[in-house]
Amino acid sequence: MTYRYTIDRIPPSNNKYIGRNARWEYGKVKSEWAQLIKCCCRPVPKAPLKKAVVELTYYFPDRKRRDPDNYSGKMILDGLVRAGILVDDSFDCIILSIRAGYDKKNPRTEITITEVDDIV
């Protein structure tokens, strides 16, 4: 089974928080993203997926250079676990793919989750 979700935002870069004393701000934004995932990611599986391929595609509003490691999906993956879509976001449970695109008029994050029998 494959689930496709679209969120009309892009999460902040990890650079916004790493190495800074922004623990409270980070926690607030992470909670906001968990709530956003819970609201936007419908339908949810009957039971959380034990094994899955998770593809994140960020459509940025400009062609500015960005590093994939700064958009690792941390807030999204944690939100998917909290929403009951994934059992866990560990290497034993998911294969993660991160891509970027460009859409000046409609920046967004697209999430595709495909259930698999095993993680190789």
N, C-alpha and C. Protein backbone atom coordinates (compact mmCIF):
# COMPACT_ATOMS: atom_id res chain seq x y z
N MET A 1 0.84 -1.18 0.00
CA MET A 1 0.00 0.00 0.00
C MET A 1 0.89 1.25 0.00
N THR A 2 0.48 2.26 -0.72
CA THR A 2 1.21 3.53 -0.78
C THR A 2 0.31 4.66 -0.32
N TYR A 3 0.88 5.53 0.50
CA TYR A 3 0.18 6.71 1.01
C TYR A 3 0.90 7.94 0.49
N ARG A 4 0.13 8.92 0.01
CA ARG A 4 0.70 10.17 -0.50
C ARG A 4 0.07 11.34 0.25
N TYR A 5 0.94 12.19 0.74
CA TYR A 5 0.49 13.35 1.51
C TYR A 5 1.19 14.61 0.99
N THR A 6 0.51 15.74 1.05
CA THR A 6 1.10 17.02 0.68
C THR A 6 0.88 18.01 1.81
N ILE A 7 1.95 18.69 2.18
CA ILE A 7 1.89 19.73 3.19
C ILE A 7 2.31 21.02 2.51
N ASP A 8 1.56 22.07 2.70
CA ASP A 8 1.80 23.32 1.97
C ASP A 8 2.94 24.17 2.55
N ARG A 9 3.85 23.53 3.23
CA ARG A 9 5.01 24.20 3.82
C ARG A 9 6.24 23.32 3.67
N ILE A 10 7.37 23.92 3.96
CA ILE A 10 8.65 23.21 3.99
C ILE A 10 9.21 23.40 5.39
N PRO A 11 9.65 22.33 6.04
CA PRO A 11 10.18 22.50 7.39
C PRO A 11 11.45 23.35 7.38
N PRO A 12 11.77 23.97 8.51
CA PRO A 12 12.98 24.78 8.56
C PRO A 12 14.23 23.92 8.41
N SER A 13 15.26 24.53 7.90
CA SER A 13 16.56 23.87 7.78
C SER A 13 17.09 23.52 9.16
N ASN A 14 17.80 22.39 9.27
CA ASN A 14 18.44 22.03 10.54
C ASN A 14 19.42 23.11 10.98
N ASN A 15 19.98 23.85 10.05
CA ASN A 15 20.93 24.92 10.38
C ASN A 15 20.32 25.99 11.27
N LYS A 16 19.01 26.10 11.25
CA LYS A 16 18.34 27.11 12.08
C LYS A 16 18.50 26.81 13.57
N TYR A 17 18.72 25.52 13.91
CA TYR A 17 18.76 25.13 15.32
C TYR A 17 20.09 24.53 15.77
N ILE A 18 20.80 23.85 14.90
CA ILE A 18 22.03 23.16 15.29
C ILE A 18 23.09 24.19 15.72
N GLY A 19 23.69 23.94 16.90
CA GLY A 19 24.74 24.81 17.39
C GLY A 19 24.27 26.12 17.98
N ARG A 20 22.98 26.24 18.16
CA ARG A 20 22.43 27.47 18.73
C ARG A 20 21.67 27.12 20.01
N ASN A 21 21.52 28.08 20.87
CA ASN A 21 20.71 27.88 22.07
C ASN A 21 19.26 28.18 21.74
N ALA A 22 18.66 27.29 20.98
CA ALA A 22 17.28 27.50 20.54
C ALA A 22 16.42 26.29 20.89
N ARG A 23 16.72 25.65 22.02
CA ARG A 23 16.03 24.43 22.40
C ARG A 23 14.52 24.62 22.51
N TRP A 24 14.09 25.73 23.12
CA TRP A 24 12.66 25.96 23.32
C TRP A 24 11.97 26.26 21.99
N GLU A 25 12.62 27.04 21.17
CA GLU A 25 12.05 27.35 19.85
C GLU A 25 11.97 26.07 19.01
N TYR A 26 13.02 25.26 19.04
CA TYR A 26 13.03 24.00 18.30
C TYR A 26 11.88 23.11 18.75
N GLY A 27 11.71 22.97 20.07
CA GLY A 27 10.62 22.14 20.60
C GLY A 27 9.26 22.63 20.16
N LYS A 28 9.08 23.94 20.13
CA LYS A 28 7.80 24.52 19.71
C LYS A 28 7.53 24.22 18.23
N VAL A 29 8.54 24.43 17.38
CA VAL A 29 8.38 24.18 15.94
C VAL A 29 8.17 22.69 15.68
N LYS A 30 8.88 21.85 16.39
CA LYS A 30 8.72 20.39 16.23
C LYS A 30 7.30 19.97 16.60
N SER A 31 6.75 20.54 17.67
CA SER A 31 5.36 20.23 18.05
C SER A 31 4.37 20.73 17.00
N GLU A 32 4.64 21.91 16.45
CA GLU A 32 3.78 22.44 15.39
C GLU A 32 3.77 21.50 14.18
N TRP A 33 4.95 21.00 13.81
CA TRP A 33 5.04 20.08 12.67
C TRP A 33 4.34 18.75 12.98
N ALA A 34 4.44 18.28 14.21
CA ALA A 34 3.74 17.04 14.58
C ALA A 34 2.23 17.23 14.42
N GLN A 35 1.73 18.38 14.85
CA GLN A 35 0.30 18.67 14.71
C GLN A 35 -0.09 18.81 13.23
N LEU A 36 0.75 19.47 12.47
CA LEU A 36 0.51 19.64 11.03
C LEU A 36 0.44 18.29 10.33
N ILE A 37 1.35 17.40 10.66
CA ILE A 37 1.36 16.05 10.08
C ILE A 37 0.07 15.32 10.46
N LYS A 38 -0.29 15.41 11.71
CA LYS A 38 -1.50 14.73 12.19
C LYS A 38 -2.74 15.21 11.44
N CYS A 39 -2.80 16.51 11.15
CA CYS A 39 -3.96 17.08 10.47
C CYS A 39 -3.95 16.82 8.96
N CYS A 40 -2.78 16.91 8.35
CA CYS A 40 -2.68 16.85 6.88
C CYS A 40 -2.51 15.44 6.31
N CYS A 41 -1.99 14.54 7.10
CA CYS A 41 -1.67 13.21 6.58
C CYS A 41 -2.85 12.26 6.83
N ARG A 42 -3.78 12.32 5.91
CA ARG A 42 -4.98 11.48 5.94
C ARG A 42 -5.16 10.83 4.60
N PRO A 43 -5.58 9.60 4.50
CA PRO A 43 -5.93 8.70 5.59
C PRO A 43 -4.67 8.09 6.23
N VAL A 44 -4.85 7.60 7.44
CA VAL A 44 -3.76 6.90 8.11
C VAL A 44 -4.00 5.40 7.97
N PRO A 45 -2.93 4.62 8.01
CA PRO A 45 -3.11 3.16 7.96
C PRO A 45 -3.91 2.68 9.18
N LYS A 46 -4.54 1.51 9.05
CA LYS A 46 -5.29 0.94 10.18
C LYS A 46 -4.38 0.67 11.37
N ALA A 47 -3.15 0.28 11.07
CA ALA A 47 -2.13 0.08 12.10
C ALA A 47 -0.85 0.74 11.58
N PRO A 48 -0.03 1.28 12.48
CA PRO A 48 1.22 1.90 12.02
C PRO A 48 2.07 0.92 11.20
N LEU A 49 2.69 1.44 10.16
CA LEU A 49 3.50 0.60 9.27
C LEU A 49 4.80 0.21 9.95
N LYS A 50 5.11 -1.08 9.88
CA LYS A 50 6.33 -1.60 10.52
C LYS A 50 7.56 -1.41 9.65
N LYS A 51 7.38 -1.49 8.34
CA LYS A 51 8.48 -1.34 7.38
C LYS A 51 7.97 -0.50 6.22
N ALA A 52 8.75 0.51 5.83
CA ALA A 52 8.28 1.38 4.75
C ALA A 52 9.44 2.11 4.08
N VAL A 53 9.19 2.49 2.84
CA VAL A 53 10.06 3.41 2.12
C VAL A 53 9.39 4.78 2.22
N VAL A 54 10.12 5.76 2.74
CA VAL A 54 9.59 7.11 2.91
C VAL A 54 10.34 8.04 1.96
N GLU A 55 9.60 8.67 1.07
CA GLU A 55 10.18 9.62 0.13
C GLU A 55 9.69 11.02 0.48
N LEU A 56 10.64 11.93 0.71
CA LEU A 56 10.32 13.32 0.99
C LEU A 56 10.78 14.14 -0.20
N THR A 57 9.88 14.91 -0.77
CA THR A 57 10.24 15.81 -1.87
C THR A 57 9.84 17.22 -1.46
N TYR A 58 10.85 18.07 -1.38
CA TYR A 58 10.64 19.47 -1.02
C TYR A 58 10.61 20.30 -2.30
N TYR A 59 9.55 21.03 -2.49
CA TYR A 59 9.44 21.95 -3.64
C TYR A 59 9.66 23.37 -3.12
N PHE A 60 10.89 23.86 -3.32
CA PHE A 60 11.28 25.17 -2.82
C PHE A 60 10.79 26.27 -3.76
N PRO A 61 10.58 27.50 -3.23
CA PRO A 61 10.08 28.60 -4.06
C PRO A 61 11.16 29.27 -4.91
N ASP A 62 12.41 28.84 -4.71
CA ASP A 62 13.51 29.42 -5.50
C ASP A 62 14.56 28.33 -5.76
N ARG A 63 15.53 28.66 -6.56
CA ARG A 63 16.55 27.69 -6.94
C ARG A 63 17.85 27.84 -6.12
N LYS A 64 17.73 28.44 -4.97
CA LYS A 64 18.87 28.61 -4.08
C LYS A 64 19.48 27.25 -3.73
N ARG A 65 20.80 27.20 -3.62
CA ARG A 65 21.50 25.95 -3.30
C ARG A 65 21.19 25.55 -1.85
N ARG A 66 20.81 24.28 -1.66
CA ARG A 66 20.51 23.74 -0.34
C ARG A 66 21.14 22.36 -0.21
N ASP A 67 21.61 22.03 0.98
CA ASP A 67 22.19 20.72 1.24
C ASP A 67 21.12 19.77 1.76
N PRO A 68 21.08 18.54 1.23
CA PRO A 68 20.07 17.58 1.69
C PRO A 68 20.14 17.27 3.19
N ASP A 69 21.36 17.27 3.76
CA ASP A 69 21.46 16.93 5.18
C ASP A 69 20.80 17.98 6.08
N ASN A 70 20.59 19.18 5.57
CA ASN A 70 19.90 20.20 6.34
C ASN A 70 18.38 20.05 6.29
N TYR A 71 17.92 19.17 5.43
CA TYR A 71 16.49 18.87 5.31
C TYR A 71 16.28 17.37 5.47
N SER A 72 16.83 16.83 6.55
CA SER A 72 16.85 15.39 6.79
C SER A 72 15.48 14.79 7.05
N GLY A 73 14.51 15.62 7.35
CA GLY A 73 13.16 15.10 7.59
C GLY A 73 12.87 14.78 9.04
N LYS A 74 13.72 15.19 9.95
CA LYS A 74 13.57 14.87 11.37
C LYS A 74 12.17 15.21 11.90
N MET A 75 11.73 16.43 11.66
CA MET A 75 10.42 16.85 12.18
C MET A 75 9.29 16.08 11.52
N ILE A 76 9.45 15.78 10.24
CA ILE A 76 8.41 15.04 9.51
C ILE A 76 8.35 13.60 10.00
N LEU A 77 9.49 12.94 10.08
CA LEU A 77 9.51 11.54 10.51
C LEU A 77 8.98 11.38 11.93
N ASP A 78 9.41 12.25 12.83
CA ASP A 78 8.88 12.18 14.20
C ASP A 78 7.37 12.41 14.22
N GLY A 79 6.89 13.32 13.37
CA GLY A 79 5.46 13.56 13.27
C GLY A 79 4.70 12.35 12.73
N LEU A 80 5.29 11.65 11.76
CA LEU A 80 4.65 10.45 11.20
C LEU A 80 4.55 9.35 12.26
N VAL A 81 5.54 9.25 13.13
CA VAL A 81 5.48 8.27 14.22
C VAL A 81 4.40 8.68 15.22
N ARG A 82 4.41 9.95 15.62
CA ARG A 82 3.42 10.44 16.59
C ARG A 82 1.99 10.33 16.06
N ALA A 83 1.82 10.46 14.74
CA ALA A 83 0.48 10.37 14.14
C ALA A 83 0.01 8.93 13.96
N GLY A 84 0.88 7.96 14.26
CA GLY A 84 0.50 6.56 14.13
C GLY A 84 0.59 6.03 12.71
N ILE A 85 1.37 6.69 11.86
CA ILE A 85 1.53 6.24 10.48
C ILE A 85 2.69 5.26 10.38
N LEU A 86 3.76 5.53 11.12
CA LEU A 86 4.92 4.64 11.17
C LEU A 86 5.10 4.13 12.60
N VAL A 87 5.55 2.89 12.73
CA VAL A 87 5.86 2.34 14.06
C VAL A 87 7.06 3.08 14.65
N ASP A 88 8.08 3.28 13.82
CA ASP A 88 9.31 3.93 14.27
C ASP A 88 10.01 4.51 13.04
N ASP A 89 10.95 5.42 13.27
CA ASP A 89 11.68 5.99 12.14
C ASP A 89 13.15 5.58 12.16
N SER A 90 13.44 4.42 12.72
CA SER A 90 14.81 3.91 12.79
C SER A 90 15.19 3.23 11.46
N PHE A 91 16.49 2.98 11.31
CA PHE A 91 16.98 2.29 10.11
C PHE A 91 16.33 0.91 9.94
N ASP A 92 15.93 0.29 11.04
CA ASP A 92 15.29 -1.03 10.96
C ASP A 92 13.89 -0.97 10.37
N CYS A 93 13.30 0.23 10.36
CA CYS A 93 11.90 0.36 9.95
C CYS A 93 11.68 1.12 8.66
N ILE A 94 12.62 2.00 8.28
CA ILE A 94 12.39 2.79 7.07
C ILE A 94 13.63 2.88 6.19
N ILE A 95 13.37 3.08 4.94
CA ILE A 95 14.38 3.54 3.97
C ILE A 95 13.94 4.95 3.60
N LEU A 96 14.84 5.91 3.73
CA LEU A 96 14.50 7.31 3.52
C LEU A 96 15.14 7.83 2.24
N SER A 97 14.34 8.52 1.44
CA SER A 97 14.81 9.18 0.23
C SER A 97 14.41 10.65 0.31
N ILE A 98 15.38 11.54 0.03
CA ILE A 98 15.13 12.98 0.09
C ILE A 98 15.46 13.59 -1.27
N ARG A 99 14.51 14.36 -1.80
CA ARG A 99 14.72 15.02 -3.09
C ARG A 99 14.23 16.46 -3.00
N ALA A 100 14.62 17.24 -3.98
CA ALA A 100 14.17 18.63 -4.03
C ALA A 100 13.69 18.97 -5.42
N GLY A 101 12.75 19.88 -5.47
CA GLY A 101 12.24 20.40 -6.72
C GLY A 101 12.05 21.90 -6.58
N TYR A 102 11.49 22.50 -7.60
CA TYR A 102 11.29 23.94 -7.62
C TYR A 102 9.86 24.23 -8.06
N ASP A 103 9.17 25.04 -7.28
CA ASP A 103 7.83 25.48 -7.66
C ASP A 103 7.59 26.84 -7.00
N LYS A 104 7.84 27.89 -7.75
CA LYS A 104 7.75 29.26 -7.23
C LYS A 104 6.34 29.57 -6.72
N LYS A 105 5.34 29.06 -7.39
CA LYS A 105 3.96 29.39 -7.05
C LYS A 105 3.36 28.50 -5.95
N ASN A 106 3.94 27.32 -5.76
CA ASN A 106 3.34 26.38 -4.81
C ASN A 106 4.42 25.61 -4.04
N PRO A 107 5.20 26.29 -3.18
CA PRO A 107 6.19 25.55 -2.39
C PRO A 107 5.47 24.60 -1.44
N ARG A 108 6.06 23.41 -1.26
CA ARG A 108 5.37 22.40 -0.46
C ARG A 108 6.31 21.25 -0.15
N THR A 109 5.81 20.34 0.68
CA THR A 109 6.51 19.09 0.97
C THR A 109 5.57 17.96 0.57
N GLU A 110 6.05 17.07 -0.25
CA GLU A 110 5.27 15.88 -0.61
C GLU A 110 5.91 14.67 0.06
N ILE A 111 5.06 13.88 0.67
CA ILE A 111 5.49 12.69 1.41
C ILE A 111 4.84 11.48 0.76
N THR A 112 5.66 10.53 0.36
CA THR A 112 5.15 9.26 -0.18
C THR A 112 5.68 8.14 0.71
N ILE A 113 4.78 7.31 1.20
CA ILE A 113 5.15 6.21 2.08
C ILE A 113 4.63 4.93 1.47
N THR A 114 5.54 4.02 1.19
CA THR A 114 5.17 2.74 0.60
C THR A 114 5.52 1.62 1.59
N GLU A 115 4.52 0.87 1.97
CA GLU A 115 4.74 -0.24 2.88
C GLU A 115 5.50 -1.34 2.15
N VAL A 116 6.48 -1.92 2.82
CA VAL A 116 7.27 -3.02 2.26
C VAL A 116 7.31 -4.17 3.26
N ASP A 117 7.67 -5.35 2.76
CA ASP A 117 7.73 -6.52 3.63
C ASP A 117 8.99 -6.54 4.48
N ASP A 118 10.08 -6.02 3.91
CA ASP A 118 11.35 -6.07 4.64
C ASP A 118 12.24 -4.91 4.20
N ILE A 119 13.15 -4.53 5.06
CA ILE A 119 14.14 -3.52 4.75
C ILE A 119 15.44 -4.24 4.45
N VAL A 120 15.94 -4.02 3.25
CA VAL A 120 17.18 -4.71 2.85
C VAL A 120 18.35 -3.79 3.03
